[in-house]
Amino acid sequence: MKLALAAPALVLALAACTQEHPAPLPAPAGLCKAAPVQRFVGQQATPALVEKVQRRSGASTARRITPEMRVTMEFNEARVNVWVGLKGEAERITCG
């Protein structure tokens, strides 16, 4: 009798193992990659440079952050940040 009750559960468990899983979703377009744009650190952070950094990093958005600015700290994997020093040069470039 116990075998008759266990059989349907076993069939369901085995059926779950044989189902095909959907393919993983592709990475969203516009993800930021900071490594290719590190060569721009030290250059004047003009709007043209920020645009070039955005394009070459693959980011969907960019923001130019100056010392006196307040910025939100939420992480956005599709955004590149150009941190600007007091003399207007790009001090660091990060994603987020």
C-alpha atoms as a PDB file:
ATOM      1  CA  MET A   1       0.000   0.000   0.000  1.00  0.00           C
ATOM      2  CA  LYS A   2       2.828   2.414   0.840  1.00  0.00           C
ATOM      3  CA  LEU A   3       4.392   1.714  -2.561  1.00  0.00           C
ATOM      4  CA  ALA A   4       1.177   2.713  -4.308  1.00  0.00           C
ATOM      5  CA  LEU A   5       1.239   6.082  -2.513  1.00  0.00           C
ATOM      6  CA  ALA A   6       4.925   6.696  -3.183  1.00  0.00           C
ATOM      7  CA  ALA A   7       4.769   5.875  -6.908  1.00  0.00           C
ATOM      8  CA  PRO A   8       2.941   9.076  -8.013  1.00  0.00           C
ATOM      9  CA  ALA A   9       5.369  11.222  -6.013  1.00  0.00           C
ATOM     10  CA  LEU A  10       8.321   9.434  -7.633  1.00  0.00           C
ATOM     11  CA  VAL A  11       6.867   9.936 -11.117  1.00  0.00           C
ATOM     12  CA  LEU A  12       6.410  13.678 -10.449  1.00  0.00           C
ATOM     13  CA  ALA A  13       9.945  14.003  -9.111  1.00  0.00           C
ATOM     14  CA  LEU A  14      11.425  12.260 -12.141  1.00  0.00           C
ATOM     15  CA  ALA A  15       9.287  14.317 -14.520  1.00  0.00           C
ATOM     16  CA  ALA A  16      10.630  17.502 -12.958  1.00  0.00           C
ATOM     17  CA  CYS A  17      14.197  16.345 -13.635  1.00  0.00           C
ATOM     18  CA  THR A  18      13.557  15.749 -17.319  1.00  0.00           C
ATOM     19  CA  GLN A  19      11.880  19.067 -18.119  1.00  0.00           C
ATOM     20  CA  GLU A  20      13.877  21.433 -20.253  1.00  0.00           C
ATOM     21  CA  HIS A  21      14.888  24.666 -18.587  1.00  0.00           C
ATOM     22  CA  PRO A  22      14.538  27.893 -20.551  1.00  0.00           C
ATOM     23  CA  ALA A  23      17.728  29.437 -21.889  1.00  0.00           C
ATOM     24  CA  PRO A  24      19.169  32.186 -19.685  1.00  0.00           C
ATOM     25  CA  LEU A  25      18.230  35.692 -20.657  1.00  0.00           C
ATOM     26  CA  PRO A  26      20.904  37.657 -22.517  1.00  0.00           C
ATOM     27  CA  ALA A  27      22.677  40.432 -20.642  1.00  0.00           C
ATOM     28  CA  PRO A  28      20.819  43.703 -20.972  1.00  0.00           C
ATOM     29  CA  ALA A  29      22.243  46.155 -23.475  1.00  0.00           C
ATOM     30  CA  GLY A  30      23.993  49.173 -22.056  1.00  0.00           C
ATOM     31  CA  LEU A  31      25.954  47.570 -19.235  1.00  0.00           C
ATOM     32  CA  CYS A  32      28.895  49.693 -18.175  1.00  0.00           C
ATOM     33  CA  LYS A  33      32.475  48.448 -18.480  1.00  0.00           C
ATOM     34  CA  ALA A  34      34.935  50.811 -16.771  1.00  0.00           C
ATOM     35  CA  ALA A  35      38.204  49.120 -17.789  1.00  0.00           C
ATOM     36  CA  PRO A  36      38.230  50.332 -21.428  1.00  0.00           C
ATOM     37  CA  VAL A  37      37.854  53.997 -20.406  1.00  0.00           C
ATOM     38  CA  GLN A  38      40.477  54.290 -17.672  1.00  0.00           C
ATOM     39  CA  ARG A  39      42.834  55.931 -20.171  1.00  0.00           C
ATOM     40  CA  PHE A  40      40.654  59.076 -19.973  1.00  0.00           C
ATOM     41  CA  VAL A  41      41.532  59.630 -16.291  1.00  0.00           C
ATOM     42  CA  GLY A  42      43.580  62.828 -16.001  1.00  0.00           C
ATOM     43  CA  GLN A  43      42.002  64.520 -19.030  1.00  0.00           C
ATOM     44  CA  GLN A  44      39.712  67.557 -18.784  1.00  0.00           C
ATOM     45  CA  ALA A  45      36.183  66.268 -18.096  1.00  0.00           C
ATOM     46  CA  THR A  46      34.427  68.263 -20.805  1.00  0.00           C
ATOM     47  CA  PRO A  47      30.945  67.280 -21.994  1.00  0.00           C
ATOM     48  CA  ALA A  48      32.591  65.812 -25.100  1.00  0.00           C
ATOM     49  CA  LEU A  49      34.882  63.627 -22.967  1.00  0.00           C
ATOM     50  CA  VAL A  50      31.958  62.429 -20.815  1.00  0.00           C
ATOM     51  CA  GLU A  51      30.052  61.517 -23.979  1.00  0.00           C
ATOM     52  CA  LYS A  52      33.076  59.617 -25.323  1.00  0.00           C
ATOM     53  CA  VAL A  53      33.470  57.785 -21.989  1.00  0.00           C
ATOM     54  CA  GLN A  54      29.801  56.807 -22.074  1.00  0.00           C
ATOM     55  CA  ARG A  55      30.027  55.506 -25.628  1.00  0.00           C
ATOM     56  CA  ARG A  56      33.246  53.548 -25.114  1.00  0.00           C
ATOM     57  CA  SER A  57      32.205  52.100 -21.753  1.00  0.00           C
ATOM     58  CA  GLY A  58      28.968  50.785 -23.262  1.00  0.00           C
ATOM     59  CA  ALA A  59      26.895  52.536 -20.593  1.00  0.00           C
ATOM     60  CA  SER A  60      23.353  53.708 -21.277  1.00  0.00           C
ATOM     61  CA  THR A  61      23.801  56.841 -19.169  1.00  0.00           C
ATOM     62  CA  ALA A  62      26.629  58.936 -17.792  1.00  0.00           C
ATOM     63  CA  ARG A  63      27.001  61.448 -15.043  1.00  0.00           C
ATOM     64  CA  ARG A  64      29.733  63.981 -14.379  1.00  0.00           C
ATOM     65  CA  ILE A  65      30.266  64.286 -10.638  1.00  0.00           C
ATOM     66  CA  THR A  66      32.028  67.373  -9.292  1.00  0.00           C
ATOM     67  CA  PRO A  67      33.339  67.802  -5.722  1.00  0.00           C
ATOM     68  CA  GLU A  68      30.457  70.015  -4.592  1.00  0.00           C
ATOM     69  CA  MET A  69      27.728  67.781  -6.048  1.00  0.00           C
ATOM     70  CA  ARG A  70      25.472  65.558  -4.027  1.00  0.00           C
ATOM     71  CA  VAL A  71      24.606  62.324  -5.777  1.00  0.00           C
ATOM     72  CA  THR A  72      22.447  59.348  -5.040  1.00  0.00           C
ATOM     73  CA  MET A  73      24.344  56.218  -4.104  1.00  0.00           C
ATOM     74  CA  GLU A  74      22.083  53.616  -5.730  1.00  0.00           C
ATOM     75  CA  PHE A  75      23.950  51.242  -7.996  1.00  0.00           C
ATOM     76  CA  ASN A  76      23.020  51.374 -11.667  1.00  0.00           C
ATOM     77  CA  GLU A  77      24.973  48.865 -13.744  1.00  0.00           C
ATOM     78  CA  ALA A  78      24.147  50.759 -16.937  1.00  0.00           C
ATOM     79  CA  ARG A  79      25.651  54.087 -15.777  1.00  0.00           C
ATOM     80  CA  VAL A  80      29.211  55.386 -15.948  1.00  0.00           C
ATOM     81  CA  ASN A  81      30.386  57.997 -13.441  1.00  0.00           C
ATOM     82  CA  VAL A  82      33.109  60.499 -14.270  1.00  0.00           C
ATOM     83  CA  TRP A  83      34.440  61.886 -10.978  1.00  0.00           C
ATOM     84  CA  VAL A  84      35.883  65.360 -11.579  1.00  0.00           C
ATOM     85  CA  GLY A  85      38.619  67.034  -9.522  1.00  0.00           C
ATOM     86  CA  LEU A  86      38.912  70.684  -8.508  1.00  0.00           C
ATOM     87  CA  LYS A  87      40.861  71.501 -11.684  1.00  0.00           C
ATOM     88  CA  GLY A  88      38.201  69.946 -13.934  1.00  0.00           C
ATOM     89  CA  GLU A  89      40.081  66.756 -14.769  1.00  0.00           C
ATOM     90  CA  ALA A  90      38.610  63.261 -14.584  1.00  0.00           C
ATOM     91  CA  GLU A  91      40.011  61.829 -11.338  1.00  0.00           C
ATOM     92  CA  ARG A  92      38.357  58.429 -11.629  1.00  0.00           C
ATOM     93  CA  ILE A  93      35.819  56.649 -13.781  1.00  0.00           C
ATOM     94  CA  THR A  94      33.526  54.040 -12.296  1.00  0.00           C
ATOM     95  CA  CYS A  95      30.391  52.147 -13.160  1.00  0.00           C
ATOM     96  CA  GLY A  96      27.332  52.326 -11.024  1.00  0.00           C
END
